[in-house]
């Protein structure tokens, strides 16, 4: 089980619980997250705070496995929201992977923050696997690290 993937909804719920962002009155604007979804209030709470975002078609895809880039975005966003962390202007100083030119633009500022704060190790000999599903074990390690900063 620790090497199995974790869903976007499960991560949203874990982050909301960890950061104490739960709002029972939050509403989801995602077309695919109905009020009957078991994690609806957690997804809605995290969306209202800007911790999670959806896709261009107004969906969240709550039951999809979360990938590294998406979790990196959520992690960086929660650090900025809860603790006031500032995204580095000089992201090139931090984002030094051997595949830097392949990394999605939308994740760069979050990635540089997560590297600077010690959540992710970067080196020009390491490949950032942005599309790789996050495992439950990796999520637990990163959530623990986050708990130490919140």
Protein backbone atom coordinates (compact mmCIF):
# COMPACT_ATOMS: atom_id res chain seq x y z
CA UNK A 1 0.00 0.00 0.00
CA UNK A 2 2.76 2.61 0.64
CA UNK A 3 3.86 2.31 -2.99
CA UNK A 4 0.38 2.78 -4.38
CA UNK A 5 -0.64 6.12 -5.79
CA UNK A 6 -2.81 8.68 -4.04
CA UNK A 7 -5.63 10.68 -5.60
CA UNK A 8 -5.98 14.41 -6.06
CA UNK A 9 -8.98 14.42 -3.70
CA UNK A 10 -7.10 12.53 -0.99
CA UNK A 11 -4.19 14.97 -1.15
CA UNK A 12 -6.54 17.96 -1.08
CA UNK A 13 -8.20 16.53 2.05
CA UNK A 14 -4.86 15.81 3.73
CA UNK A 15 -3.60 19.34 3.06
CA UNK A 16 -6.81 20.96 4.32
CA UNK A 17 -6.70 18.90 7.51
CA UNK A 18 -3.00 19.52 8.08
CA UNK A 19 -3.25 23.27 7.52
CA UNK A 20 -6.60 23.59 9.30
CA UNK A 21 -8.31 25.16 6.29
CA UNK A 22 -11.59 23.26 6.48
CA UNK A 23 -14.67 25.32 5.70
CA UNK A 24 -17.93 23.38 5.77
CA UNK A 25 -19.59 26.17 3.77
CA UNK A 26 -17.04 26.14 0.94
CA UNK A 27 -18.45 25.48 -2.50
CA UNK A 28 -16.79 23.78 -5.42
CA UNK A 29 -16.87 25.34 -8.86
CA UNK A 30 -15.57 22.16 -10.49
CA UNK A 31 -18.06 20.49 -12.82
CA UNK A 32 -16.97 17.01 -11.75
CA UNK A 33 -17.00 17.52 -7.97
CA UNK A 34 -20.58 17.16 -6.82
CA UNK A 35 -21.74 17.88 -3.29
CA UNK A 36 -22.20 14.12 -2.84
CA UNK A 37 -18.48 13.40 -3.29
CA UNK A 38 -17.12 12.11 0.02
CA UNK A 39 -14.34 14.71 0.04
CA UNK A 40 -16.38 17.57 -1.43
CA UNK A 41 -15.89 20.04 1.44
CA UNK A 42 -12.14 19.42 1.51
CA UNK A 43 -11.77 19.94 -2.23
CA UNK A 44 -13.94 23.05 -2.08
CA UNK A 45 -12.04 24.41 0.92
CA UNK A 46 -8.69 23.94 -0.78
CA UNK A 47 -9.93 25.47 -4.04
CA UNK A 48 -11.32 28.55 -2.28
CA UNK A 49 -7.91 29.13 -0.67
CA UNK A 50 -6.08 28.68 -3.98
CA UNK A 51 -4.31 25.54 -2.83
CA UNK A 52 -5.74 23.40 -5.63
CA UNK A 53 -6.85 24.31 -9.09
CA UNK A 54 -8.51 22.41 -11.84
CA UNK A 55 -8.06 21.95 -15.51
CA UNK A 56 -9.05 24.26 -18.34
CA UNK A 57 -12.35 22.46 -18.77
CA UNK A 58 -13.53 23.39 -15.22
CA UNK A 59 -12.87 19.91 -13.86
CA UNK A 60 -10.76 18.79 -10.92
CA UNK A 61 -10.57 15.06 -11.68
CA UNK A 62 -10.67 14.18 -7.97
CA UNK A 63 -10.17 10.46 -8.46
CA UNK A 64 -7.13 10.78 -10.73
CA UNK A 65 -3.75 9.93 -9.29
CA UNK A 66 -1.86 13.06 -8.32
CA UNK A 67 1.38 13.63 -10.16
CA UNK A 68 4.53 15.31 -8.83
CA UNK A 69 3.96 18.61 -10.63
CA UNK A 70 0.43 18.93 -9.24
CA UNK A 71 1.52 18.13 -5.71
CA UNK A 72 4.44 20.53 -6.00
CA UNK A 73 1.97 23.27 -6.95
CA UNK A 74 -0.26 22.46 -3.96
CA UNK A 75 2.69 22.32 -1.57
CA UNK A 76 4.07 25.65 -2.75
CA UNK A 77 0.63 27.26 -2.67
CA UNK A 78 -0.04 26.16 0.90
CA UNK A 79 3.33 27.50 2.06
CA UNK A 80 2.55 30.84 0.46
CA UNK A 81 -1.03 30.96 1.76
CA UNK A 82 -0.47 29.79 5.33
CA UNK A 83 3.02 31.09 6.07
CA UNK A 84 3.47 33.95 3.64
CA UNK A 85 6.39 32.37 1.82
CA UNK A 86 7.47 34.30 -1.26
CA UNK A 87 8.23 32.56 -4.54
CA UNK A 88 11.87 33.08 -5.55
CA UNK A 89 12.40 35.56 -8.40
CA UNK A 90 15.59 33.77 -9.35
CA UNK A 91 14.05 30.35 -9.97
CA UNK A 92 17.04 29.37 -12.15
CA UNK A 93 19.14 29.30 -8.98
CA UNK A 94 16.98 26.49 -7.60
CA UNK A 95 15.52 24.60 -10.56
CA UNK A 96 18.65 22.92 -11.87
CA UNK A 97 17.42 19.52 -13.04
CA UNK A 98 18.91 17.82 -16.07
CA UNK A 99 15.54 18.23 -17.82
CA UNK A 100 14.80 21.83 -16.78
CA UNK A 101 13.74 22.79 -20.30
CA UNK A 102 10.98 20.15 -20.19
CA UNK A 103 9.40 21.29 -16.91
CA UNK A 104 5.98 22.88 -17.28
CA UNK A 105 6.02 26.66 -16.92
CA UNK A 106 3.04 26.64 -14.52
CA UNK A 107 4.96 24.68 -11.89
CA UNK A 108 8.30 26.54 -11.96
CA UNK A 109 7.60 29.10 -9.20
CA UNK A 110 6.12 26.45 -6.90
CA UNK A 111 8.99 24.09 -7.65
CA UNK A 112 11.62 26.72 -6.89
CA UNK A 113 9.93 27.46 -3.55
CA UNK A 114 9.76 23.76 -2.64
CA UNK A 115 13.42 23.30 -3.53
CA UNK A 116 14.49 26.36 -1.56
CA UNK A 117 12.56 25.14 1.49
CA UNK A 118 14.07 21.65 1.34
CA UNK A 119 11.08 19.62 0.18
CA UNK A 120 12.62 18.62 -3.14
CA UNK A 121 16.26 17.96 -3.95
CA UNK A 122 17.56 19.48 -7.17
CA UNK A 123 20.73 18.78 -9.10
CA UNK A 124 21.79 18.84 -12.72
CA UNK A 125 22.21 15.07 -12.42
CA UNK A 126 18.59 14.53 -11.30
CA UNK A 127 15.54 14.33 -13.56
CA UNK A 128 12.40 16.01 -12.24
CA UNK A 129 9.67 13.51 -13.04
CA UNK A 130 6.76 15.93 -13.12
CA UNK A 131 4.29 13.46 -14.63
CA UNK A 132 5.10 10.57 -12.30
CA UNK A 133 2.30 9.63 -9.87
CA UNK A 134 3.10 10.38 -6.25
CA UNK A 135 3.07 7.34 -3.97
CA UNK A 136 1.42 7.25 -0.56
CA UNK A 137 4.84 6.85 1.03
CA UNK A 138 6.21 9.94 -0.73
CA UNK A 139 3.07 11.88 0.15
CA UNK A 140 3.42 10.91 3.82
CA UNK A 141 7.06 12.07 3.89
CA UNK A 142 6.26 15.40 2.25
CA UNK A 143 3.17 15.99 4.40
CA UNK A 144 5.27 15.33 7.50
CA UNK A 145 7.87 17.85 6.31
CA UNK A 146 5.06 20.34 5.71
CA UNK A 147 3.69 19.79 9.21
CA UNK A 148 7.04 20.93 10.62
CA UNK A 149 6.75 24.25 8.77
CA UNK A 150 3.11 25.04 9.49
